[in-house]
PDB file of N, CA and C in Angstrom:
ATOM      1  N   MET A   1     -11.445   8.533 -11.909  1.00  0.00           N
ATOM      2  CA  MET A   1     -10.858   8.427 -10.620  1.00  0.00           C
ATOM      3  C   MET A   1      -9.625   7.501 -10.594  1.00  0.00           C
ATOM      4  N   LYS A   2      -9.646   6.431 -11.327  1.00  0.00           N
ATOM      5  CA  LYS A   2      -8.563   5.476 -11.334  1.00  0.00           C
ATOM      6  C   LYS A   2      -7.286   6.175 -11.857  1.00  0.00           C
ATOM      7  N   ALA A   3      -7.342   7.108 -12.686  1.00  0.00           N
ATOM      8  CA  ALA A   3      -6.184   7.796 -13.219  1.00  0.00           C
ATOM      9  C   ALA A   3      -5.494   8.500 -12.099  1.00  0.00           C
ATOM     10  N   ASN A   4      -6.207   8.919 -11.007  1.00  0.00           N
ATOM     11  CA  ASN A   4      -5.617   9.513  -9.787  1.00  0.00           C
ATOM     12  C   ASN A   4      -5.201   8.553  -8.773  1.00  0.00           C
ATOM     13  N   GLU A   5      -5.204   7.227  -9.175  1.00  0.00           N
ATOM     14  CA  GLU A   5      -4.854   6.122  -8.196  1.00  0.00           C
ATOM     15  C   GLU A   5      -5.735   6.111  -7.041  1.00  0.00           C
ATOM     16  N   LEU A   6      -6.983   6.403  -7.226  1.00  0.00           N
ATOM     17  CA  LEU A   6      -8.014   6.252  -6.175  1.00  0.00           C
ATOM     18  C   LEU A   6      -8.869   4.979  -6.516  1.00  0.00           C
ATOM     19  N   ALA A   7      -9.247   4.231  -5.521  1.00  0.00           N
ATOM     20  CA  ALA A   7     -10.194   3.165  -5.703  1.00  0.00           C
ATOM     21  C   ALA A   7     -11.588   3.703  -5.666  1.00  0.00           C
ATOM     22  N   LEU A   8     -12.359   3.209  -6.442  1.00  0.00           N
ATOM     23  CA  LEU A   8     -13.783   3.614  -6.530  1.00  0.00           C
ATOM     24  C   LEU A   8     -14.774   2.467  -6.343  1.00  0.00           C
ATOM     25  N   GLY A   9     -15.657   2.453  -5.315  1.00  0.00           N
ATOM     26  CA  GLY A   9     -16.495   1.364  -5.081  1.00  0.00           C
ATOM     27  C   GLY A   9     -17.967   1.863  -5.024  1.00  0.00           C
ATOM     28  N   MET A  10     -18.870   0.886  -5.227  1.00  0.00           N
ATOM     29  CA  MET A  10     -20.286   1.250  -5.140  1.00  0.00           C
ATOM     30  C   MET A  10     -20.984   0.250  -4.235  1.00  0.00           C
ATOM     31  N   ILE A  11     -21.848   0.667  -3.341  1.00  0.00           N
ATOM     32  CA  ILE A  11     -22.687  -0.150  -2.633  1.00  0.00           C
ATOM     33  C   ILE A  11     -24.103   0.277  -2.912  1.00  0.00           C
ATOM     34  N   THR A  12     -24.959  -0.602  -3.297  1.00  0.00           N
ATOM     35  CA  THR A  12     -26.314  -0.315  -3.662  1.00  0.00           C
ATOM     36  C   THR A  12     -27.317  -1.281  -3.206  1.00  0.00           C
ATOM     37  N   ASN A  13     -28.357  -0.827  -2.536  1.00  0.00           N
ATOM     38  CA  ASN A  13     -29.467  -1.764  -2.188  1.00  0.00           C
ATOM     39  C   ASN A  13     -30.326  -2.066  -3.319  1.00  0.00           C
ATOM     40  N   GLY A  14     -30.756  -3.307  -3.407  1.00  0.00           N
ATOM     41  CA  GLY A  14     -31.693  -3.580  -4.497  1.00  0.00           C
ATOM     42  C   GLY A  14     -31.461  -5.103  -5.007  1.00  0.00           C
ATOM     43  N   ARG A  15     -32.209  -5.396  -5.993  1.00  0.00           N
ATOM     44  CA  ARG A  15     -32.126  -6.687  -6.671  1.00  0.00           C
ATOM     45  C   ARG A  15     -30.933  -6.690  -7.686  1.00  0.00           C
ATOM     46  N   THR A  16     -30.282  -7.822  -7.646  1.00  0.00           N
ATOM     47  CA  THR A  16     -29.028  -7.912  -8.418  1.00  0.00           C
ATOM     48  C   THR A  16     -29.264  -7.597  -9.842  1.00  0.00           C
ATOM     49  N   ALA A  17     -30.167  -8.325 -10.521  1.00  0.00           N
ATOM     50  CA  ALA A  17     -30.406  -8.119 -11.935  1.00  0.00           C
ATOM     51  C   ALA A  17     -30.777  -6.708 -12.230  1.00  0.00           C
ATOM     52  N   PHE A  18     -31.651  -6.119 -11.549  1.00  0.00           N
ATOM     53  CA  PHE A  18     -32.099  -4.763 -11.770  1.00  0.00           C
ATOM     54  C   PHE A  18     -30.958  -3.805 -11.633  1.00  0.00           C
ATOM     55  N   GLN A  19     -30.210  -3.887 -10.586  1.00  0.00           N
ATOM     56  CA  GLN A  19     -29.092  -2.894 -10.329  1.00  0.00           C
ATOM     57  C   GLN A  19     -27.979  -3.092 -11.374  1.00  0.00           C
ATOM     58  N   LEU A  20     -27.688  -4.308 -11.675  1.00  0.00           N
ATOM     59  CA  LEU A  20     -26.600  -4.478 -12.772  1.00  0.00           C
ATOM     60  C   LEU A  20     -27.100  -4.008 -14.117  1.00  0.00           C
ATOM     61  N   ALA A  21     -28.388  -4.166 -14.403  1.00  0.00           N
ATOM     62  CA  ALA A  21     -28.861  -3.593 -15.693  1.00  0.00           C
ATOM     63  C   ALA A  21     -28.811  -2.146 -15.708  1.00  0.00           C
ATOM     64  N   ALA A  22     -29.110  -1.449 -14.583  1.00  0.00           N
ATOM     65  CA  ALA A  22     -29.057   0.016 -14.528  1.00  0.00           C
ATOM     66  C   ALA A  22     -27.576   0.513 -14.596  1.00  0.00           C
ATOM     67  N   ILE A  23     -26.622  -0.156 -13.880  1.00  0.00           N
ATOM     68  CA  ILE A  23     -25.330   0.242 -13.875  1.00  0.00           C
ATOM     69  C   ILE A  23     -24.755   0.042 -15.321  1.00  0.00           C
ATOM     70  N   GLN A  24     -25.015  -1.071 -15.994  1.00  0.00           N
ATOM     71  CA  GLN A  24     -24.611  -1.332 -17.296  1.00  0.00           C
ATOM     72  C   GLN A  24     -25.151  -0.386 -18.331  1.00  0.00           C
ATOM     73  N   SER A  25     -26.393  -0.056 -18.115  1.00  0.00           N
ATOM     74  CA  SER A  25     -27.074   0.925 -19.125  1.00  0.00           C
ATOM     75  C   SER A  25     -26.441   2.277 -19.009  1.00  0.00           C
ATOM     76  N   LEU A  26     -25.998   2.640 -17.869  1.00  0.00           N
ATOM     77  CA  LEU A  26     -25.283   3.929 -17.699  1.00  0.00           C
ATOM     78  C   LEU A  26     -23.875   3.906 -18.210  1.00  0.00           C
ATOM     79  N   GLY A  27     -23.360   2.731 -18.476  1.00  0.00           N
ATOM     80  CA  GLY A  27     -22.034   2.595 -18.963  1.00  0.00           C
ATOM     81  C   GLY A  27     -20.897   2.957 -17.895  1.00  0.00           C
ATOM     82  N   ILE A  28     -21.187   2.683 -16.643  1.00  0.00           N
ATOM     83  CA  ILE A  28     -20.308   3.100 -15.583  1.00  0.00           C
ATOM     84  C   ILE A  28     -19.632   1.958 -14.851  1.00  0.00           C
ATOM     85  N   GLU A  29     -20.006   0.698 -15.204  1.00  0.00           N
ATOM     86  CA  GLU A  29     -19.424  -0.468 -14.518  1.00  0.00           C
ATOM     87  C   GLU A  29     -17.904  -0.444 -14.436  1.00  0.00           C
ATOM     88  N   ASP A  30     -17.215  -0.188 -15.552  1.00  0.00           N
ATOM     89  CA  ASP A  30     -15.817  -0.264 -15.598  1.00  0.00           C
ATOM     90  C   ASP A  30     -15.071   0.849 -14.743  1.00  0.00           C
ATOM     91  N   PHE A  31     -15.844   1.786 -14.312  1.00  0.00           N
ATOM     92  CA  PHE A  31     -15.209   2.840 -13.496  1.00  0.00           C
ATOM     93  C   PHE A  31     -14.905   2.368 -12.109  1.00  0.00           C
ATOM     94  N   PHE A  32     -15.598   1.253 -11.668  1.00  0.00           N
ATOM     95  CA  PHE A  32     -15.585   0.805 -10.250  1.00  0.00           C
ATOM     96  C   PHE A  32     -14.665  -0.360 -10.055  1.00  0.00           C
ATOM     97  N   ASP A  33     -13.900  -0.323  -8.955  1.00  0.00           N
ATOM     98  CA  ASP A  33     -13.085  -1.452  -8.575  1.00  0.00           C
ATOM     99  C   ASP A  33     -13.967  -2.548  -7.892  1.00  0.00           C
ATOM    100  N   VAL A  34     -15.035  -2.143  -7.280  1.00  0.00           N
ATOM    101  CA  VAL A  34     -15.891  -3.109  -6.556  1.00  0.00           C
ATOM    102  C   VAL A  34     -17.294  -2.536  -6.600  1.00  0.00           C
ATOM    103  N   ILE A  35     -18.207  -3.460  -6.871  1.00  0.00           N
ATOM    104  CA  ILE A  35     -19.717  -3.046  -6.790  1.00  0.00           C
ATOM    105  C   ILE A  35     -20.350  -4.117  -5.945  1.00  0.00           C
ATOM    106  N   LEU A  36     -20.944  -3.687  -4.929  1.00  0.00           N
ATOM    107  CA  LEU A  36     -21.627  -4.551  -3.958  1.00  0.00           C
ATOM    108  C   LEU A  36     -23.207  -4.251  -4.063  1.00  0.00           C
ATOM    109  N   ILE A  37     -23.892  -5.302  -4.309  1.00  0.00           N
ATOM    110  CA  ILE A  37     -25.295  -5.115  -4.512  1.00  0.00           C
ATOM    111  C   ILE A  37     -26.035  -5.990  -3.397  1.00  0.00           C
ATOM    112  N   SER A  38     -26.854  -5.342  -2.674  1.00  0.00           N
ATOM    113  CA  SER A  38     -27.389  -5.932  -1.459  1.00  0.00           C
ATOM    114  C   SER A  38     -27.939  -7.338  -1.603  1.00  0.00           C
ATOM    115  N   GLU A  39     -28.706  -7.547  -2.609  1.00  0.00           N
ATOM    116  CA  GLU A  39     -29.264  -8.957  -2.753  1.00  0.00           C
ATOM    117  C   GLU A  39     -28.152  -9.989  -3.016  1.00  0.00           C
ATOM    118  N   ARG A  40     -27.214  -9.654  -3.763  1.00  0.00           N
ATOM    119  CA  ARG A  40     -26.098 -10.589  -4.045  1.00  0.00           C
ATOM    120  C   ARG A  40     -25.208 -10.808  -2.856  1.00  0.00           C
ATOM    121  N   GLU A  41     -25.101  -9.768  -2.005  1.00  0.00           N
ATOM    122  CA  GLU A  41     -24.189  -9.851  -0.786  1.00  0.00           C
ATOM    123  C   GLU A  41     -24.962 -10.416   0.388  1.00  0.00           C
ATOM    124  N   GLY A  42     -26.272 -10.461   0.345  1.00  0.00           N
ATOM    125  CA  GLY A  42     -27.039 -10.913   1.544  1.00  0.00           C
ATOM    126  C   GLY A  42     -26.918  -9.886   2.656  1.00  0.00           C
ATOM    127  N   LEU A  43     -26.650  -8.693   2.340  1.00  0.00           N
ATOM    128  CA  LEU A  43     -26.571  -7.554   3.265  1.00  0.00           C
ATOM    129  C   LEU A  43     -27.097  -6.286   2.661  1.00  0.00           C
ATOM    130  N   ARG A  44     -27.751  -5.478   3.453  1.00  0.00           N
ATOM    131  CA  ARG A  44     -28.306  -4.222   3.032  1.00  0.00           C
ATOM    132  C   ARG A  44     -27.734  -3.073   3.811  1.00  0.00           C
ATOM    133  N   LYS A  45     -27.608  -1.972   3.124  1.00  0.00           N
ATOM    134  CA  LYS A  45     -27.303  -0.756   3.953  1.00  0.00           C
ATOM    135  C   LYS A  45     -28.533  -0.497   4.842  1.00  0.00           C
ATOM    136  N   PRO A  46     -28.422  -0.044   5.923  1.00  0.00           N
ATOM    137  CA  PRO A  46     -27.215   0.464   6.651  1.00  0.00           C
ATOM    138  C   PRO A  46     -26.460  -0.526   7.406  1.00  0.00           C
ATOM    139  N   ASP A  47     -26.446  -1.820   7.143  1.00  0.00           N
ATOM    140  CA  ASP A  47     -25.697  -2.777   7.912  1.00  0.00           C
ATOM    141  C   ASP A  47     -24.239  -2.481   7.790  1.00  0.00           C
ATOM    142  N   PRO A  48     -23.476  -2.285   8.812  1.00  0.00           N
ATOM    143  CA  PRO A  48     -22.102  -1.940   8.691  1.00  0.00           C
ATOM    144  C   PRO A  48     -21.210  -3.056   8.017  1.00  0.00           C
ATOM    145  N   ARG A  49     -21.709  -4.249   8.018  1.00  0.00           N
ATOM    146  CA  ARG A  49     -20.896  -5.277   7.335  1.00  0.00           C
ATOM    147  C   ARG A  49     -20.749  -5.115   5.838  1.00  0.00           C
ATOM    148  N   ILE A  50     -21.736  -4.444   5.229  1.00  0.00           N
ATOM    149  CA  ILE A  50     -21.644  -4.250   3.759  1.00  0.00           C
ATOM    150  C   ILE A  50     -20.586  -3.132   3.438  1.00  0.00           C
ATOM    151  N   PHE A  51     -20.570  -2.110   4.342  1.00  0.00           N
ATOM    152  CA  PHE A  51     -19.514  -1.120   4.202  1.00  0.00           C
ATOM    153  C   PHE A  51     -18.079  -1.769   4.438  1.00  0.00           C
ATOM    154  N   ASN A  52     -17.955  -2.581   5.481  1.00  0.00           N
ATOM    155  CA  ASN A  52     -16.712  -3.199   5.824  1.00  0.00           C
ATOM    156  C   ASN A  52     -16.174  -4.139   4.664  1.00  0.00           C
ATOM    157  N   LYS A  53     -17.123  -4.786   4.064  1.00  0.00           N
ATOM    158  CA  LYS A  53     -16.862  -5.638   2.876  1.00  0.00           C
ATOM    159  C   LYS A  53     -16.323  -4.872   1.759  1.00  0.00           C
ATOM    160  N   ALA A  54     -16.868  -3.699   1.523  1.00  0.00           N
ATOM    161  CA  ALA A  54     -16.415  -2.906   0.470  1.00  0.00           C
ATOM    162  C   ALA A  54     -14.993  -2.390   0.834  1.00  0.00           C
ATOM    163  N   LEU A  55     -14.802  -1.995   2.056  1.00  0.00           N
ATOM    164  CA  LEU A  55     -13.495  -1.473   2.439  1.00  0.00           C
ATOM    165  C   LEU A  55     -12.418  -2.587   2.261  1.00  0.00           C
ATOM    166  N   ASP A  56     -12.737  -3.791   2.691  1.00  0.00           N
ATOM    167  CA  ASP A  56     -11.834  -4.944   2.576  1.00  0.00           C
ATOM    168  C   ASP A  56     -11.507  -5.148   1.031  1.00  0.00           C
ATOM    169  N   ALA A  57     -12.508  -5.057   0.178  1.00  0.00           N
ATOM    170  CA  ALA A  57     -12.345  -5.311  -1.233  1.00  0.00           C
ATOM    171  C   ALA A  57     -11.457  -4.299  -1.866  1.00  0.00           C
ATOM    172  N   ILE A  58     -11.443  -3.117  -1.460  1.00  0.00           N
ATOM    173  CA  ILE A  58     -10.510  -2.055  -2.028  1.00  0.00           C
ATOM    174  C   ILE A  58      -9.249  -1.862  -1.164  1.00  0.00           C
ATOM    175  N   GLY A  59      -9.209  -2.567  -0.049  1.00  0.00           N
ATOM    176  CA  GLY A  59      -8.014  -2.552   0.772  1.00  0.00           C
ATOM    177  C   GLY A  59      -7.773  -1.100   1.379  1.00  0.00           C
ATOM    178  N   ALA A  60      -8.839  -0.583   1.904  1.00  0.00           N
ATOM    179  CA  ALA A  60      -8.755   0.749   2.506  1.00  0.00           C
ATOM    180  C   ALA A  60      -9.322   0.768   3.909  1.00  0.00           C
ATOM    181  N   GLU A  61      -8.789   1.696   4.654  1.00  0.00           N
ATOM    182  CA  GLU A  61      -9.271   1.977   6.043  1.00  0.00           C
ATOM    183  C   GLU A  61     -10.431   2.954   5.985  1.00  0.00           C
ATOM    184  N   PRO A  62     -11.292   2.935   6.839  1.00  0.00           N
ATOM    185  CA  PRO A  62     -12.492   3.868   6.799  1.00  0.00           C
ATOM    186  C   PRO A  62     -12.069   5.322   6.788  1.00  0.00           C
ATOM    187  N   LYS A  63     -11.089   5.671   7.503  1.00  0.00           N
ATOM    188  CA  LYS A  63     -10.613   7.134   7.604  1.00  0.00           C
ATOM    189  C   LYS A  63     -10.057   7.495   6.240  1.00  0.00           C
ATOM    190  N   GLU A  64      -9.685   6.624   5.391  1.00  0.00           N
ATOM    191  CA  GLU A  64      -9.081   6.886   4.052  1.00  0.00           C
ATOM    192  C   GLU A  64     -10.132   7.108   3.022  1.00  0.00           C
ATOM    193  N   THR A  65     -11.388   6.827   3.304  1.00  0.00           N
ATOM    194  CA  THR A  65     -12.429   6.799   2.418  1.00  0.00           C
ATOM    195  C   THR A  65     -13.465   7.884   2.506  1.00  0.00           C
ATOM    196  N   ILE A  66     -14.064   8.181   1.357  1.00  0.00           N
ATOM    197  CA  ILE A  66     -15.244   9.101   1.318  1.00  0.00           C
ATOM    198  C   ILE A  66     -16.362   8.377   0.697  1.00  0.00           C
ATOM    199  N   PHE A  67     -17.538   8.397   1.426  1.00  0.00           N
ATOM    200  CA  PHE A  67     -18.802   7.826   0.888  1.00  0.00           C
ATOM    201  C   PHE A  67     -19.656   8.776   0.481  1.00  0.00           C
ATOM    202  N   VAL A  68     -20.193   8.669  -0.740  1.00  0.00           N
ATOM    203  CA  VAL A  68     -21.055   9.550  -1.336  1.00  0.00           C
ATOM    204  C   VAL A  68     -22.507   8.895  -1.405  1.00  0.00           C
ATOM    205  N   GLY A  69     -23.507   9.497  -0.874  1.00  0.00           N
ATOM    206  CA  GLY A  69     -24.859   8.913  -0.872  1.00  0.00           C
ATOM    207  C   GLY A  69     -25.949   9.883  -0.789  1.00  0.00           C
ATOM    208  N   ASP A  70     -27.129   9.459  -1.076  1.00  0.00           N
ATOM    209  CA  ASP A  70     -28.216  10.403  -0.954  1.00  0.00           C
ATOM    210  C   ASP A  70     -29.288  10.107   0.033  1.00  0.00           C
ATOM    211  N   HIS A  71     -29.127   9.057   0.918  1.00  0.00           N
ATOM    212  CA  HIS A  71     -30.044   8.691   1.933  1.00  0.00           C
ATOM    213  C   HIS A  71     -29.383   9.061   3.283  1.00  0.00           C
ATOM    214  N   PRO A  72     -30.003   9.886   4.126  1.00  0.00           N
ATOM    215  CA  PRO A  72     -29.390  10.329   5.284  1.00  0.00           C
ATOM    216  C   PRO A  72     -29.032   9.174   6.307  1.00  0.00           C
ATOM    217  N   MET A  73     -29.864   8.140   6.406  1.00  0.00           N
ATOM    218  CA  MET A  73     -29.605   7.054   7.290  1.00  0.00           C
ATOM    219  C   MET A  73     -28.789   5.925   6.681  1.00  0.00           C
ATOM    220  N   ASN A  74     -29.353   5.425   5.598  1.00  0.00           N
ATOM    221  CA  ASN A  74     -28.719   4.193   4.989  1.00  0.00           C
ATOM    222  C   ASN A  74     -27.369   4.458   4.383  1.00  0.00           C
ATOM    223  N   ASP A  75     -27.162   5.692   3.919  1.00  0.00           N
ATOM    224  CA  ASP A  75     -25.899   5.999   3.293  1.00  0.00           C
ATOM    225  C   ASP A  75     -25.021   6.733   4.376  1.00  0.00           C
ATOM    226  N   ILE A  76     -25.436   8.089   4.676  1.00  0.00           N
ATOM    227  CA  ILE A  76     -24.610   8.982   5.417  1.00  0.00           C
ATOM    228  C   ILE A  76     -24.352   8.440   6.861  1.00  0.00           C
ATOM    229  N   ALA A  77     -25.361   8.258   7.686  1.00  0.00           N
ATOM    230  CA  ALA A  77     -25.202   7.844   9.023  1.00  0.00           C
ATOM    231  C   ALA A  77     -24.518   6.474   9.116  1.00  0.00           C
ATOM    232  N   ALA A  78     -24.875   5.582   8.188  1.00  0.00           N
ATOM    233  CA  ALA A  78     -24.200   4.270   8.228  1.00  0.00           C
ATOM    234  C   ALA A  78     -22.699   4.337   7.922  1.00  0.00           C
ATOM    235  N   ALA A  79     -22.390   5.118   6.851  1.00  0.00           N
ATOM    236  CA  ALA A  79     -20.934   5.207   6.579  1.00  0.00           C
ATOM    237  C   ALA A  79     -20.123   5.960   7.662  1.00  0.00           C
ATOM    238  N   LYS A  80     -20.766   6.952   8.320  1.00  0.00           N
ATOM    239  CA  LYS A  80     -20.101   7.570   9.407  1.00  0.00           C
ATOM    240  C   LYS A  80     -19.882   6.622  10.590  1.00  0.00           C
ATOM    241  N   ALA A  81     -20.879   5.795  10.755  1.00  0.00           N
ATOM    242  CA  ALA A  81     -20.808   4.861  11.833  1.00  0.00           C
ATOM    243  C   ALA A  81     -19.597   3.851  11.736  1.00  0.00           C
ATOM    244  N   VAL A  82     -19.142   3.618  10.531  1.00  0.00           N
ATOM    245  CA  VAL A  82     -17.933   2.775  10.374  1.00  0.00           C
ATOM    246  C   VAL A  82     -16.752   3.531  10.208  1.00  0.00           C
ATOM    247  N   GLY A  83     -16.827   4.912  10.302  1.00  0.00           N
ATOM    248  CA  GLY A  83     -15.614   5.790  10.292  1.00  0.00           C
ATOM    249  C   GLY A  83     -15.302   6.354   9.009  1.00  0.00           C
ATOM    250  N   MET A  84     -16.153   6.320   7.958  1.00  0.00           N
ATOM    251  CA  MET A  84     -15.851   6.997   6.693  1.00  0.00           C
ATOM    252  C   MET A  84     -16.186   8.483   6.698  1.00  0.00           C
ATOM    253  N   ARG A  85     -15.563   9.219   5.952  1.00  0.00           N
ATOM    254  CA  ARG A  85     -16.009  10.655   5.715  1.00  0.00           C
ATOM    255  C   ARG A  85     -17.103  10.536   4.708  1.00  0.00           C
ATOM    256  N   THR A  86     -18.021  11.546   4.709  1.00  0.00           N
ATOM    257  CA  THR A  86     -19.249  11.460   3.894  1.00  0.00           C
ATOM    258  C   THR A  86     -19.578  12.698   3.114  1.00  0.00           C
ATOM    259  N   ILE A  87     -20.139  12.538   1.964  1.00  0.00           N
ATOM    260  CA  ILE A  87     -20.635  13.516   1.134  1.00  0.00           C
ATOM    261  C   ILE A  87     -22.160  13.214   0.848  1.00  0.00           C
ATOM    262  N   TRP A  88     -23.058  14.084   1.288  1.00  0.00           N
ATOM    263  CA  TRP A  88     -24.522  13.831   1.053  1.00  0.00           C
ATOM    264  C   TRP A  88     -24.914  14.529  -0.284  1.00  0.00           C
ATOM    265  N   LYS A  89     -25.482  13.766  -1.185  1.00  0.00           N
ATOM    266  CA  LYS A  89     -26.002  14.316  -2.385  1.00  0.00           C
ATOM    267  C   LYS A  89     -27.486  14.746  -2.078  1.00  0.00           C
ATOM    268  N   ARG A  90     -27.613  16.061  -1.840  1.00  0.00           N
ATOM    269  CA  ARG A  90     -28.950  16.545  -1.427  1.00  0.00           C
ATOM    270  C   ARG A  90     -30.052  16.194  -2.398  1.00  0.00           C
ATOM    271  N   ASN A  91     -31.200  15.852  -1.950  1.00  0.00           N
ATOM    272  CA  ASN A  91     -32.375  15.618  -2.747  1.00  0.00           C
ATOM    273  C   ASN A  91     -33.574  16.130  -2.098  1.00  0.00           C
ATOM    274  N   SER A  92     -34.737  16.126  -2.794  1.00  0.00           N
ATOM    275  CA  SER A  92     -35.911  16.814  -2.362  1.00  0.00           C
ATOM    276  C   SER A  92     -36.684  15.876  -1.383  1.00  0.00           C
ATOM    277  N   GLN A  93     -36.306  14.708  -1.232  1.00  0.00           N
ATOM    278  CA  GLN A  93     -36.939  13.728  -0.349  1.00  0.00           C
ATOM    279  C   GLN A  93     -36.569  13.961   1.159  1.00  0.00           C
ATOM    280  N   TRP A  94     -35.363  14.462   1.321  1.00  0.00           N
ATOM    281  CA  TRP A  94     -34.828  14.657   2.738  1.00  0.00           C
ATOM    282  C   TRP A  94     -34.475  16.027   2.897  1.00  0.00           C
ATOM    283  N   LYS A  95     -34.673  16.581   4.131  1.00  0.00           N
ATOM    284  CA  LYS A  95     -34.297  17.992   4.381  1.00  0.00           C
ATOM    285  C   LYS A  95     -32.811  18.173   4.770  1.00  0.00           C
ATOM    286  N   THR A  96     -32.198  17.133   5.482  1.00  0.00           N
ATOM    287  CA  THR A  96     -30.888  17.263   5.828  1.00  0.00           C
ATOM    288  C   THR A  96     -30.201  15.992   6.184  1.00  0.00           C
ATOM    289  N   ALA A  97     -28.842  15.944   6.286  1.00  0.00           N
ATOM    290  CA  ALA A  97     -28.103  14.720   6.615  1.00  0.00           C
ATOM    291  C   ALA A  97     -26.942  15.238   7.384  1.00  0.00           C
ATOM    292  N   GLU A  98     -26.462  14.505   8.294  1.00  0.00           N
ATOM    293  CA  GLU A  98     -25.213  14.820   9.094  1.00  0.00           C
ATOM    294  C   GLU A  98     -24.004  14.448   8.419  1.00  0.00           C
ATOM    295  N   ALA A  99     -23.725  15.088   7.221  1.00  0.00           N
ATOM    296  CA  ALA A  99     -22.527  14.688   6.387  1.00  0.00           C
ATOM    297  C   ALA A  99     -21.359  15.670   6.557  1.00  0.00           C
ATOM    298  N   ASP A 100     -20.295  15.228   6.147  1.00  0.00           N
ATOM    299  CA  ASP A 100     -19.128  16.121   6.235  1.00  0.00           C
ATOM    300  C   ASP A 100     -19.172  17.191   5.135  1.00  0.00           C
ATOM    301  N   ASN A 101     -19.821  16.884   4.039  1.00  0.00           N
ATOM    302  CA  ASN A 101     -20.050  17.844   2.968  1.00  0.00           C
ATOM    303  C   ASN A 101     -21.414  17.578   2.281  1.00  0.00           C
ATOM    304  N   VAL A 102     -21.968  18.521   1.710  1.00  0.00           N
ATOM    305  CA  VAL A 102     -23.265  18.469   0.993  1.00  0.00           C
ATOM    306  C   VAL A 102     -23.061  18.990  -0.489  1.00  0.00           C
ATOM    307  N   ILE A 103     -23.574  18.248  -1.463  1.00  0.00           N
ATOM    308  CA  ILE A 103     -23.506  18.640  -2.819  1.00  0.00           C
ATOM    309  C   ILE A 103     -24.861  18.585  -3.320  1.00  0.00           C
ATOM    310  N   ASP A 104     -25.077  19.204  -4.526  1.00  0.00           N
ATOM    311  CA  ASP A 104     -26.371  19.258  -5.271  1.00  0.00           C
ATOM    312  C   ASP A 104     -26.302  18.252  -6.497  1.00  0.00           C
ATOM    313  N   GLU A 105     -25.075  18.165  -7.052  1.00  0.00           N
ATOM    314  CA  GLU A 105     -24.869  17.409  -8.321  1.00  0.00           C
ATOM    315  C   GLU A 105     -23.653  16.581  -8.074  1.00  0.00           C
ATOM    316  N   LEU A 106     -23.691  15.360  -8.662  1.00  0.00           N
ATOM    317  CA  LEU A 106     -22.542  14.376  -8.520  1.00  0.00           C
ATOM    318  C   LEU A 106     -21.306  15.018  -9.127  1.00  0.00           C
ATOM    319  N   LYS A 107     -21.372  15.924 -10.053  1.00  0.00           N
ATOM    320  CA  LYS A 107     -20.197  16.550 -10.691  1.00  0.00           C
ATOM    321  C   LYS A 107     -19.406  17.357  -9.611  1.00  0.00           C
ATOM    322  N   GLU A 108     -19.962  17.660  -8.501  1.00  0.00           N
ATOM    323  CA  GLU A 108     -19.369  18.420  -7.493  1.00  0.00           C
ATOM    324  C   GLU A 108     -18.484  17.510  -6.573  1.00  0.00           C
ATOM    325  N   VAL A 109     -18.528  16.214  -6.700  1.00  0.00           N
ATOM    326  CA  VAL A 109     -17.731  15.339  -5.792  1.00  0.00           C
ATOM    327  C   VAL A 109     -16.226  15.646  -6.018  1.00  0.00           C
ATOM    328  N   ALA A 110     -15.748  15.668  -7.255  1.00  0.00           N
ATOM    329  CA  ALA A 110     -14.326  15.904  -7.471  1.00  0.00           C
ATOM    330  C   ALA A 110     -13.790  17.209  -6.760  1.00  0.00           C
ATOM    331  N   HIS A 111     -14.605  18.279  -6.968  1.00  0.00           N
ATOM    332  CA  HIS A 111     -14.171  19.520  -6.343  1.00  0.00           C
ATOM    333  C   HIS A 111     -14.043  19.378  -4.745  1.00  0.00           C
ATOM    334  N   ALA A 112     -15.120  18.762  -4.221  1.00  0.00           N
ATOM    335  CA  ALA A 112     -15.195  18.611  -2.847  1.00  0.00           C
ATOM    336  C   ALA A 112     -13.991  17.825  -2.238  1.00  0.00           C
ATOM    337  N   VAL A 113     -13.631  16.716  -2.994  1.00  0.00           N
ATOM    338  CA  VAL A 113     -12.515  15.890  -2.531  1.00  0.00           C
ATOM    339  C   VAL A 113     -11.162  16.617  -2.787  1.00  0.00           C
ATOM    340  N   LEU A 114     -10.960  17.108  -3.994  1.00  0.00           N
ATOM    341  CA  LEU A 114      -9.693  17.769  -4.349  1.00  0.00           C
ATOM    342  C   LEU A 114      -9.370  18.984  -3.558  1.00  0.00           C
ATOM    343  N   SER A 115     -10.515  19.722  -3.198  1.00  0.00           N
ATOM    344  CA  SER A 115     -10.298  20.985  -2.356  1.00  0.00           C
ATOM    345  C   SER A 115     -10.064  20.701  -0.903  1.00  0.00           C
ATOM    346  N   GLY A 116     -10.323  19.458  -0.477  1.00  0.00           N
ATOM    347  CA  GLY A 116     -10.093  19.098   0.945  1.00  0.00           C
ATOM    348  C   GLY A 116     -11.379  19.486   1.781  1.00  0.00           C
ATOM    349  N   GLU A 117     -12.517  19.765   1.045  1.00  0.00           N
ATOM    350  CA  GLU A 117     -13.684  20.137   1.805  1.00  0.00           C
ATOM    351  C   GLU A 117     -14.414  18.895   2.488  1.00  0.00           C
ATOM    352  N   VAL A 118     -13.851  17.807   2.368  1.00  0.00           N
ATOM    353  CA  VAL A 118     -14.377  16.597   3.030  1.00  0.00           C
ATOM    354  C   VAL A 118     -13.178  15.733   3.498  1.00  0.00           C
TER     355      VAL A 118
END
């Protein structure tokens, strides 16, 4: 995404050591301009302050951003509440989410964004 001059951030709930280990084991840490982990920040999704902190860190306005998440309330509703556009990554745990777009696989994000579907 950085090649397209887009900022990429991550907000995740959880313990710092565990989340960092997971991110590092996936080898994706360097793809992100900012990574906010709830324990380290002292804030948890769906608290709007953690979303605003991410926006400040990347220097973006909510309407300029797209939040991708898998939890209907903590991710999608919370991001929409601060003015972000949203993509819900569907999963078997939830039936629906009030997102701007719905995907089944993360590889579908680029198509949804580049095609203007979100």
